[in-house]
């Protein structure tokens, strides 16, 4: 484990090397008391306290005397992400000669920076270990980091080893770990239980569709429903994707991975809510019984939807799950999905799109995300565009008239399944790093988890 939390009976290792934190603004002041040789060594190494940089100060015997690490701020959630795999393997601790450390941020960033997807190929090297005192702050930081890494693992796992059944099994495992209740509706039972849209999308695959449901908490507490898009692989269906568009479609269950991660944080921190987690898990495949462009289906909510394009399948499976989750009139309904390329074109890969009818809630979420360095951005549910998803043969169609406003069209489609009196937040996220940055290797990424968790804590209490 890259972060080791020390109890009262477990003292810090004598051999643990201190890490002192500094930023560019404080560099001259904080390093002035150091011996001239140490300051000269920093100059030779070009170290000036820049973020994600560090310098190792040698001791007289050739060992490491100390590490000085440049950070954006001591409390930044990415403060130490570059260190676990850049420092020599060994044991480290936070020092006291630089900026006052933030132990929660240290635990979080060190855990994130230690991540590697090693299911198939062993790591090139072990991560260094950071010793921290066991406290509520360090436990929380490590928990959020480990949950984020588990979210990354799910997204990174290829569809061969993570189909609908395996995704549902991950939900069941979380239920067992936290004493939650679990049930699963599989295959043609979806039709009997009135989830026709989920069945329609997944019926062509050899691996049958299902709805995984986890419930947790005490009766009488506010109900929070979290829904995650679980398309384990998306060929596009009969409107088949090209090779480039299909290459990363193992990540199309990223919304489900995030929904599960958020649910696990809610349960681990024992927030005073009732939780209902819903994961419609399917594979959008092609066979003789695949759903077709032009087909019309009656959904759980009673609305008839026309299929304009089989590659807009995410909103089709979500509409049944959202309608089901809304039936108990939750205090808040959140859905997360890797839903549209249009959101990526508008905001890029690192800034998830957020849709919310409550402007005060939307502004609070945006402000909270900026403060926590876990951003999302508010896009409008522009009702004037609703005519673009209205069908001549059904209530609505799952595609707009053209490519313009694609993320808004998808959100408007989902809104039709959320009663006006149910508070609702829709997240259209990428869940992927398309280029490597410190602590963020190419591959699956956890986005908005900390912001959503903080919103739940502020709204419903800390637990």
Protein backbone atom coordinates (compact mmCIF):
# COMPACT_ATOMS: atom_id res chain seq x y z
CA UNK A 1 0.00 0.00 0.00
CA UNK A 2 1.53 3.33 -1.05
CA UNK A 3 0.11 5.26 1.94
CA UNK A 4 0.67 3.70 5.37
CA UNK A 5 -1.43 5.15 8.19
CA UNK A 6 0.33 4.91 11.54
CA UNK A 7 -1.69 4.29 14.71
CA UNK A 8 -0.53 5.42 18.16
CA UNK A 9 1.16 2.06 18.66
CA UNK A 10 2.95 2.27 15.33
CA UNK A 11 5.61 4.95 15.29
CA UNK A 12 7.09 6.54 12.20
CA UNK A 13 10.06 4.69 10.76
CA UNK A 14 13.41 6.17 11.77
CA UNK A 15 14.55 5.62 8.21
CA UNK A 16 11.61 7.52 6.67
CA UNK A 17 12.94 10.42 4.61
CA UNK A 18 11.31 13.81 5.21
CA UNK A 19 9.55 15.58 2.34
CA UNK A 20 9.39 19.35 2.70
CA UNK A 21 6.86 21.26 0.63
CA UNK A 22 7.45 24.58 -1.11
CA UNK A 23 5.89 26.61 -3.90
CA UNK A 24 7.47 29.15 -6.22
CA UNK A 25 6.21 32.11 -4.20
CA UNK A 26 7.72 30.88 -0.94
CA UNK A 27 10.85 29.28 -2.40
CA UNK A 28 13.39 31.98 -1.52
CA UNK A 29 12.06 32.49 2.00
CA UNK A 30 11.74 28.83 2.94
CA UNK A 31 15.07 27.68 1.52
CA UNK A 32 17.12 30.63 2.82
CA UNK A 33 17.92 28.90 6.17
CA UNK A 34 19.35 25.83 4.40
CA UNK A 35 23.12 25.31 4.25
CA UNK A 36 24.82 26.97 1.30
CA UNK A 37 25.69 23.56 -0.16
CA UNK A 38 22.01 22.51 -0.17
CA UNK A 39 20.94 25.75 -1.88
CA UNK A 40 23.74 25.36 -4.43
CA UNK A 41 22.61 21.80 -5.16
CA UNK A 42 19.05 23.01 -5.73
CA UNK A 43 20.35 25.60 -8.17
CA UNK A 44 22.42 23.03 -10.06
CA UNK A 45 19.34 20.79 -10.32
CA UNK A 46 17.22 23.71 -11.55
CA UNK A 47 14.76 23.37 -8.68
CA UNK A 48 12.76 26.52 -7.95
CA UNK A 49 9.66 25.09 -6.27
CA UNK A 50 7.58 24.61 -9.43
CA UNK A 51 4.58 22.31 -9.18
CA UNK A 52 5.29 18.60 -9.83
CA UNK A 53 9.05 19.11 -9.46
CA UNK A 54 11.33 17.95 -6.68
CA UNK A 55 14.94 17.74 -5.64
CA UNK A 56 16.68 15.06 -3.57
CA UNK A 57 19.25 16.40 -1.10
CA UNK A 58 22.06 13.88 -0.48
CA UNK A 59 23.50 13.10 2.95
CA UNK A 60 27.20 12.77 3.57
CA UNK A 61 27.04 8.98 3.49
CA UNK A 62 25.35 8.94 0.06
CA UNK A 63 21.84 8.33 1.37
CA UNK A 64 18.93 10.74 0.94
CA UNK A 65 18.86 13.44 3.61
CA UNK A 66 15.59 15.05 2.51
CA UNK A 67 13.32 15.75 -0.42
CA UNK A 68 12.02 19.20 -1.31
CA UNK A 69 8.85 19.02 -3.41
CA UNK A 70 7.29 21.82 -5.41
CA UNK A 71 3.50 22.10 -5.12
CA UNK A 72 0.73 24.37 -6.37
CA UNK A 73 -0.44 24.49 -2.77
CA UNK A 74 -0.01 22.13 0.18
CA UNK A 75 -3.76 21.45 0.17
CA UNK A 76 -4.06 20.83 -3.56
CA UNK A 77 -5.51 17.37 -4.32
CA UNK A 78 -2.71 16.78 -6.84
CA UNK A 79 0.04 18.11 -4.56
CA UNK A 80 2.22 14.98 -4.36
CA UNK A 81 1.04 12.94 -7.35
CA UNK A 82 4.39 13.02 -9.15
CA UNK A 83 6.42 11.68 -6.22
CA UNK A 84 5.39 8.03 -5.61
CA UNK A 85 6.82 6.82 -8.90
CA UNK A 86 9.65 9.35 -9.28
CA UNK A 87 11.29 9.09 -5.87
CA UNK A 88 13.47 6.06 -5.14
CA UNK A 89 11.51 3.18 -3.63
CA UNK A 90 11.54 3.59 0.12
CA UNK A 91 9.70 5.15 3.05
CA UNK A 92 8.95 8.86 3.34
CA UNK A 93 7.15 11.19 5.74
CA UNK A 94 6.01 14.80 5.67
CA UNK A 95 8.65 17.20 6.96
CA UNK A 96 8.21 20.51 8.75
CA UNK A 97 10.81 22.81 7.17
CA UNK A 98 8.60 24.01 4.32
CA UNK A 99 4.94 24.83 3.90
CA UNK A 100 2.66 23.36 6.58
CA UNK A 101 1.47 20.07 5.06
CA UNK A 102 -2.17 19.14 4.54
CA UNK A 103 -2.38 15.49 5.54
CA UNK A 104 -5.69 14.75 3.79
CA UNK A 105 -4.40 16.18 0.51
CA UNK A 106 -1.14 14.28 0.99
CA UNK A 107 -2.94 10.96 1.49
CA UNK A 108 -5.21 11.61 -1.50
CA UNK A 109 -2.53 12.79 -3.92
CA UNK A 110 0.00 10.12 -2.95
CA UNK A 111 -2.62 7.42 -3.47
CA UNK A 112 -3.61 8.84 -6.85
CA UNK A 113 0.03 9.17 -7.89
CA UNK A 114 0.75 5.54 -6.99
CA UNK A 115 -1.83 4.25 -9.48
CA UNK A 116 -1.00 1.92 -12.35
CA UNK A 117 -3.30 -0.43 -14.22
CA UNK A 118 -1.42 -3.68 -13.71
CA UNK A 119 -4.03 -6.36 -14.35
CA UNK A 120 -2.14 -7.77 -17.34
CA UNK A 121 1.36 -6.33 -17.14
CA UNK A 122 3.34 -5.97 -13.91
CA UNK A 123 4.40 -2.54 -12.79
CA UNK A 124 7.80 -1.38 -13.94
CA UNK A 125 8.55 -0.49 -10.32
CA UNK A 126 6.84 -0.28 -6.95
CA UNK A 127 5.59 3.05 -5.69
CA UNK A 128 7.36 4.69 -2.77
CA UNK A 129 5.54 4.59 0.60
CA UNK A 130 4.36 7.66 2.50
CA UNK A 131 3.92 7.30 6.25
CA UNK A 132 1.13 9.39 7.74
CA UNK A 133 -0.48 9.48 11.18
CA UNK A 134 -3.85 7.73 11.23
CA UNK A 135 -6.52 10.41 11.56
CA UNK A 136 -9.95 11.18 10.20
CA UNK A 137 -8.35 13.42 7.56
CA UNK A 138 -5.76 10.90 6.36
CA UNK A 139 -8.29 8.07 6.32
CA UNK A 140 -10.64 10.18 4.24
CA UNK A 141 -7.89 11.18 1.81
CA UNK A 142 -6.77 7.58 1.34
CA UNK A 143 -10.38 6.40 0.98
CA UNK A 144 -11.19 8.90 -1.75
CA UNK A 145 -7.92 8.10 -3.52
CA UNK A 146 -8.49 4.34 -3.37
CA UNK A 147 -12.08 4.72 -4.60
CA UNK A 148 -10.89 6.90 -7.47
CA UNK A 149 -8.30 4.28 -8.39
CA UNK A 150 -10.94 1.53 -8.28
CA UNK A 151 -13.05 3.64 -10.63
CA UNK A 152 -10.05 3.91 -12.96
CA UNK A 153 -9.56 0.13 -12.81
CA UNK A 154 -13.16 -0.57 -13.89
CA UNK A 155 -12.91 1.83 -16.83
CA UNK A 156 -9.54 0.41 -17.91
CA UNK A 157 -10.64 -3.25 -17.85
CA UNK A 158 -11.34 -4.54 -21.38
CA UNK A 159 -14.85 -5.63 -22.28
CA UNK A 160 -13.66 -9.24 -22.63
CA UNK A 161 -13.27 -9.31 -18.85
CA UNK A 162 -15.88 -6.74 -17.87
CA UNK A 163 -19.24 -7.49 -19.42
CA UNK A 164 -22.69 -6.83 -17.95
CA UNK A 165 -22.43 -9.76 -15.52
CA UNK A 166 -19.01 -8.70 -14.24
CA UNK A 167 -20.10 -5.08 -13.84
CA UNK A 168 -23.13 -6.23 -11.87
CA UNK A 169 -20.85 -8.44 -9.76
CA UNK A 170 -18.82 -5.35 -8.82
CA UNK A 171 -22.01 -3.74 -7.53
CA UNK A 172 -22.89 -6.90 -5.60
CA UNK A 173 -19.42 -6.98 -4.06
CA UNK A 174 -19.83 -3.39 -2.87
CA UNK A 175 -23.21 -4.29 -1.38
CA UNK A 176 -21.65 -7.14 0.59
CA UNK A 177 -18.80 -4.94 1.81
CA UNK A 178 -21.19 -2.32 3.23
CA UNK A 179 -24.11 -4.43 4.36
CA UNK A 180 -26.37 -3.16 1.59
CA UNK A 181 -29.21 -4.97 -0.14
CA UNK A 182 -28.73 -6.14 -3.72
CA UNK A 183 -30.93 -7.43 -6.48
CA UNK A 184 -30.48 -8.03 -10.18
CA UNK A 185 -32.97 -8.27 -13.04
CA UNK A 186 -31.53 -10.26 -15.93
CA UNK A 187 -32.42 -10.89 -19.58
CA UNK A 188 -36.09 -11.35 -20.47
CA UNK A 189 -37.04 -10.68 -16.85
CA UNK A 190 -36.42 -7.03 -17.74
CA UNK A 191 -39.54 -7.17 -19.90
CA UNK A 192 -41.60 -8.76 -17.13
CA UNK A 193 -40.43 -6.11 -14.65
CA UNK A 194 -41.12 -3.27 -17.12
CA UNK A 195 -37.64 -2.23 -18.22
CA UNK A 196 -38.20 -2.55 -22.00
CA UNK A 197 -35.68 0.08 -23.11
CA UNK A 198 -32.79 -1.58 -21.26
CA UNK A 199 -33.79 -4.92 -22.78
CA UNK A 200 -34.05 -3.48 -26.30
CA UNK A 201 -30.50 -2.14 -26.32
CA UNK A 202 -28.91 -5.24 -24.81
CA UNK A 203 -30.94 -8.06 -26.36
CA UNK A 204 -28.62 -8.63 -29.34
CA UNK A 205 -25.55 -9.43 -27.25
CA UNK A 206 -24.51 -12.94 -26.26
CA UNK A 207 -24.02 -11.52 -22.75
CA UNK A 208 -27.54 -10.68 -21.64
CA UNK A 209 -28.55 -7.23 -20.31
CA UNK A 210 -29.41 -6.63 -16.70
CA UNK A 211 -30.25 -3.99 -14.10
CA UNK A 212 -28.16 -4.06 -10.92
CA UNK A 213 -29.75 -2.38 -7.89
CA UNK A 214 -28.12 -1.64 -4.53
CA UNK A 215 -30.07 -0.11 -1.64
CA UNK A 216 -28.60 1.06 1.67
CA UNK A 217 -29.44 3.26 4.63
CA UNK A 218 -32.16 3.84 7.19
CA UNK A 219 -35.83 4.35 6.46
CA UNK A 220 -36.75 7.95 7.14
CA UNK A 221 -33.49 9.44 5.90
CA UNK A 222 -33.60 11.42 2.63
CA UNK A 223 -33.45 9.24 -0.47
CA UNK A 224 -30.59 9.79 -2.90
CA UNK A 225 -30.72 7.89 -6.21
CA UNK A 226 -27.54 7.46 -8.26
CA UNK A 227 -27.80 6.06 -11.80
CA UNK A 228 -24.82 5.10 -13.96
CA UNK A 229 -24.66 4.24 -17.66
CA UNK A 230 -23.24 0.72 -17.91
CA UNK A 231 -22.64 0.09 -21.61
CA UNK A 232 -19.77 -2.38 -21.28
CA UNK A 233 -18.96 -2.16 -24.97
CA UNK A 234 -20.57 -0.08 -27.68
CA UNK A 235 -20.27 -1.16 -31.29
CA UNK A 236 -22.85 1.46 -32.21
CA UNK A 237 -25.31 -1.32 -33.00
CA UNK A 238 -26.65 -1.45 -36.55
CA UNK A 239 -25.53 2.17 -36.95
CA UNK A 240 -22.06 0.75 -36.46
CA UNK A 241 -19.14 2.91 -35.40
CA UNK A 242 -15.98 3.18 -37.44
CA UNK A 243 -12.78 1.61 -36.15
CA UNK A 244 -11.50 4.82 -34.56
CA UNK A 245 -14.81 5.46 -32.81
CA UNK A 246 -14.99 1.92 -31.45
CA UNK A 247 -11.42 1.68 -30.18
CA UNK A 248 -12.07 3.06 -26.69
CA UNK A 249 -15.59 1.79 -26.19
CA UNK A 250 -14.55 -0.39 -23.27
CA UNK A 251 -14.85 2.94 -21.40
CA UNK A 252 -18.54 3.41 -22.23
CA UNK A 253 -19.42 2.03 -18.79
CA UNK A 254 -17.53 4.94 -17.22
CA UNK A 255 -20.74 6.44 -15.85
CA UNK A 256 -21.49 3.20 -14.02
CA UNK A 257 -17.96 3.10 -12.62
CA UNK A 258 -18.39 6.64 -11.30
CA UNK A 259 -21.86 5.93 -9.90
CA UNK A 260 -20.50 2.89 -8.05
CA UNK A 261 -17.54 4.89 -6.74
CA UNK A 262 -19.79 7.67 -5.44
CA UNK A 263 -22.12 5.13 -3.82
CA UNK A 264 -19.17 3.43 -2.09
CA UNK A 265 -18.02 6.77 -0.66
CA UNK A 266 -21.54 7.50 0.62
CA UNK A 267 -21.65 4.13 2.38
CA UNK A 268 -18.07 4.16 3.69
CA UNK A 269 -18.55 7.63 5.21
CA UNK A 270 -22.02 6.66 6.48
CA UNK A 271 -23.82 9.70 5.15
CA UNK A 272 -27.30 10.04 6.70
CA UNK A 273 -29.22 9.16 3.54
CA UNK A 274 -31.06 6.26 1.99
CA UNK A 275 -29.12 5.25 -1.10
CA UNK A 276 -30.41 3.60 -4.23
CA UNK A 277 -27.78 2.77 -6.86
CA UNK A 278 -29.03 1.70 -10.29
CA UNK A 279 -26.73 0.33 -12.99
CA UNK A 280 -28.32 -0.70 -16.29
CA UNK A 281 -25.60 -2.97 -17.72
CA UNK A 282 -25.64 -3.94 -21.39
CA UNK A 283 -23.49 -4.55 -24.43
CA UNK A 284 -24.62 -2.74 -27.56
CA UNK A 285 -23.96 -5.50 -30.08
CA UNK A 286 -25.10 -6.60 -33.54
CA UNK A 287 -27.05 -9.74 -34.36
CA UNK A 288 -30.29 -10.76 -36.06
CA UNK A 289 -32.41 -9.47 -33.20
CA UNK A 290 -30.60 -6.15 -32.72
CA UNK A 291 -32.83 -3.13 -32.26
CA UNK A 292 -33.10 -1.04 -35.42
CA UNK A 293 -33.25 2.59 -36.55
CA UNK A 294 -36.92 3.49 -36.80
CA UNK A 295 -38.06 1.06 -34.09
CA UNK A 296 -40.43 2.43 -31.45
CA UNK A 297 -40.45 1.24 -27.83
CA UNK A 298 -42.72 2.00 -24.93
CA UNK A 299 -40.56 2.83 -21.92
CA UNK A 300 -41.11 2.24 -18.22
CA UNK A 301 -42.43 5.80 -17.87
CA UNK A 302 -45.05 5.15 -20.55
CA UNK A 303 -43.44 7.43 -23.15
CA UNK A 304 -42.87 5.96 -26.60
CA UNK A 305 -39.37 6.56 -27.98
CA UNK A 306 -38.35 6.29 -31.60
CA UNK A 307 -34.83 5.07 -32.35
CA UNK A 308 -33.22 7.58 -34.66
CA UNK A 309 -29.78 6.02 -34.29
CA UNK A 310 -28.77 2.85 -32.47
CA UNK A 311 -25.49 4.49 -31.46
CA UNK A 312 -27.38 6.82 -29.11
CA UNK A 313 -28.04 3.86 -26.82
CA UNK A 314 -26.90 5.32 -23.52
CA UNK A 315 -29.88 7.60 -23.08
CA UNK A 316 -32.18 4.69 -24.01
CA UNK A 317 -31.00 2.46 -21.16
CA UNK A 318 -30.81 5.41 -18.77
CA UNK A 319 -34.40 6.48 -19.36
CA UNK A 320 -35.81 3.28 -17.82
CA UNK A 321 -33.43 3.40 -14.86
CA UNK A 322 -34.06 7.10 -14.23
CA UNK A 323 -37.82 6.64 -14.42
CA UNK A 324 -37.57 3.79 -11.91
CA UNK A 325 -35.36 5.81 -9.57
CA UNK A 326 -37.75 8.77 -9.71
CA UNK A 327 -40.78 6.73 -8.67
CA UNK A 328 -40.03 7.10 -4.94
CA UNK A 329 -39.64 10.89 -5.26
CA UNK A 330 -36.04 11.08 -4.10
CA UNK A 331 -34.56 14.15 -2.47
CA UNK A 332 -31.91 14.07 -5.22
CA UNK A 333 -31.38 12.03 -8.38
CA UNK A 334 -27.93 12.00 -9.99
CA UNK A 335 -27.09 10.27 -13.24
CA UNK A 336 -23.59 9.88 -14.63
CA UNK A 337 -22.79 8.83 -18.18
CA UNK A 338 -20.17 8.91 -20.89
CA UNK A 339 -23.02 10.08 -23.07
CA UNK A 340 -22.07 12.37 -25.96
CA UNK A 341 -19.09 13.30 -28.06
CA UNK A 342 -20.73 16.73 -28.31
CA UNK A 343 -19.91 17.43 -24.66
CA UNK A 344 -16.25 16.66 -25.35
CA UNK A 345 -16.23 18.93 -28.40
CA UNK A 346 -17.73 21.74 -26.30
CA UNK A 347 -15.69 21.35 -23.12
CA UNK A 348 -12.79 19.00 -23.83
CA UNK A 349 -11.88 15.81 -21.96
CA UNK A 350 -11.12 17.24 -18.52
CA UNK A 351 -14.30 19.28 -17.95
CA UNK A 352 -17.51 17.23 -17.54
CA UNK A 353 -20.78 18.80 -18.64
CA UNK A 354 -23.42 19.23 -15.95
CA UNK A 355 -27.15 19.80 -16.52
CA UNK A 356 -29.48 20.85 -13.71
CA UNK A 357 -32.89 22.52 -13.60
CA UNK A 358 -32.13 24.22 -10.27
CA UNK A 359 -29.88 27.18 -11.08
CA UNK A 360 -28.82 27.67 -7.45
CA UNK A 361 -27.78 24.02 -7.18
CA UNK A 362 -25.96 24.23 -10.49
CA UNK A 363 -24.01 27.32 -9.43
CA UNK A 364 -23.16 25.69 -6.09
CA UNK A 365 -21.84 22.59 -7.84
CA UNK A 366 -19.72 24.60 -10.28
CA UNK A 367 -18.28 26.75 -7.48
CA UNK A 368 -17.61 23.70 -5.32
CA UNK A 369 -15.89 21.90 -8.19
CA UNK A 370 -13.60 24.86 -8.84
CA UNK A 371 -12.72 25.14 -5.15
CA UNK A 372 -11.93 21.42 -4.93
CA UNK A 373 -10.03 21.29 -8.24
CA UNK A 374 -12.54 18.67 -9.39
CA UNK A 375 -14.42 20.72 -11.97
CA UNK A 376 -17.65 20.42 -13.91
CA UNK A 377 -19.40 23.02 -16.03
CA UNK A 378 -23.05 23.99 -16.32
CA UNK A 379 -24.68 23.67 -19.75
CA UNK A 380 -28.31 24.70 -20.30
CA UNK A 381 -31.39 22.52 -20.58
CA UNK A 382 -32.54 24.78 -23.41
CA UNK A 383 -36.23 24.00 -23.85
CA UNK A 384 -36.42 25.72 -27.23
CA UNK A 385 -34.36 22.82 -28.58
CA UNK A 386 -36.86 20.20 -27.43
CA UNK A 387 -38.59 20.30 -30.80
CA UNK A 388 -35.47 18.73 -32.25
CA UNK A 389 -36.09 15.49 -30.35
CA UNK A 390 -39.82 15.29 -31.01
CA UNK A 391 -40.91 12.43 -33.26
CA UNK A 392 -43.61 12.23 -35.90
CA UNK A 393 -44.49 8.68 -34.84
CA UNK A 394 -43.68 8.61 -31.11
CA UNK A 395 -43.32 10.97 -28.16
CA UNK A 396 -39.60 11.60 -28.61
CA UNK A 397 -36.67 10.35 -30.69
CA UNK A 398 -33.25 9.48 -29.30
CA UNK A 399 -31.39 11.79 -31.69
CA UNK A 400 -31.68 15.42 -32.66
CA UNK A 401 -32.30 16.73 -36.17
CA UNK A 402 -28.59 17.39 -36.66
CA UNK A 403 -25.30 17.40 -34.78
CA UNK A 404 -25.77 20.82 -33.22
CA UNK A 405 -26.43 20.95 -29.48
CA UNK A 406 -25.90 17.21 -29.15
CA UNK A 407 -25.18 17.18 -25.41
CA UNK A 408 -28.23 19.39 -24.77
CA UNK A 409 -30.45 17.15 -26.90
CA UNK A 410 -29.36 14.10 -24.88
CA UNK A 411 -30.02 15.90 -21.59
CA UNK A 412 -33.45 17.07 -22.79
CA UNK A 413 -34.27 13.48 -23.71
CA UNK A 414 -33.43 12.33 -20.17
CA UNK A 415 -35.29 15.24 -18.59
CA UNK A 416 -38.55 13.94 -20.05
CA UNK A 417 -38.23 10.99 -17.65
CA UNK A 418 -37.60 13.06 -14.50
CA UNK A 419 -40.74 14.50 -12.85
CA UNK A 420 -40.63 18.26 -12.36
CA UNK A 421 -40.67 17.92 -8.57
CA UNK A 422 -37.58 15.66 -8.41
CA UNK A 423 -34.23 17.48 -7.97
CA UNK A 424 -31.94 16.14 -10.68
CA UNK A 425 -28.34 16.46 -11.83
CA UNK A 426 -27.07 14.93 -15.08
CA UNK A 427 -23.32 14.52 -15.65
CA UNK A 428 -21.97 13.91 -19.16
CA UNK A 429 -18.31 13.01 -18.59
CA UNK A 430 -15.36 11.57 -20.49
CA UNK A 431 -13.78 9.47 -17.72
CA UNK A 432 -10.50 9.18 -19.61
CA UNK A 433 -7.05 10.77 -19.82
CA UNK A 434 -6.08 11.04 -23.45
CA UNK A 435 -2.61 12.27 -22.55
CA UNK A 436 -0.42 11.58 -19.55
CA UNK A 437 0.04 14.14 -16.78
CA UNK A 438 1.62 13.73 -13.34
CA UNK A 439 -0.51 11.23 -11.42
CA UNK A 440 -2.86 10.83 -14.37
CA UNK A 441 -1.64 8.13 -16.76
CA UNK A 442 -3.36 7.61 -20.10
CA UNK A 443 -6.52 5.64 -19.43
CA UNK A 444 -9.51 5.71 -17.14
CA UNK A 445 -9.98 8.71 -14.88
CA UNK A 446 -12.30 9.53 -11.99
CA UNK A 447 -14.02 12.89 -12.43
CA UNK A 448 -16.41 14.87 -10.17
CA UNK A 449 -16.46 12.26 -7.37
CA UNK A 450 -15.07 14.64 -4.76
CA UNK A 451 -17.36 17.47 -5.87
CA UNK A 452 -20.49 15.32 -5.79
CA UNK A 453 -19.53 13.85 -2.42
CA UNK A 454 -18.98 17.31 -0.97
CA UNK A 455 -22.37 18.40 -2.32
CA UNK A 456 -24.07 15.42 -0.71
CA UNK A 457 -22.36 16.12 2.61
CA UNK A 458 -23.30 19.81 2.51
CA UNK A 459 -26.91 18.98 1.58
CA UNK A 460 -27.63 15.99 3.80
CA UNK A 461 -24.97 16.12 6.53
CA UNK A 462 -21.53 14.66 7.16
CA UNK A 463 -22.65 11.34 8.58
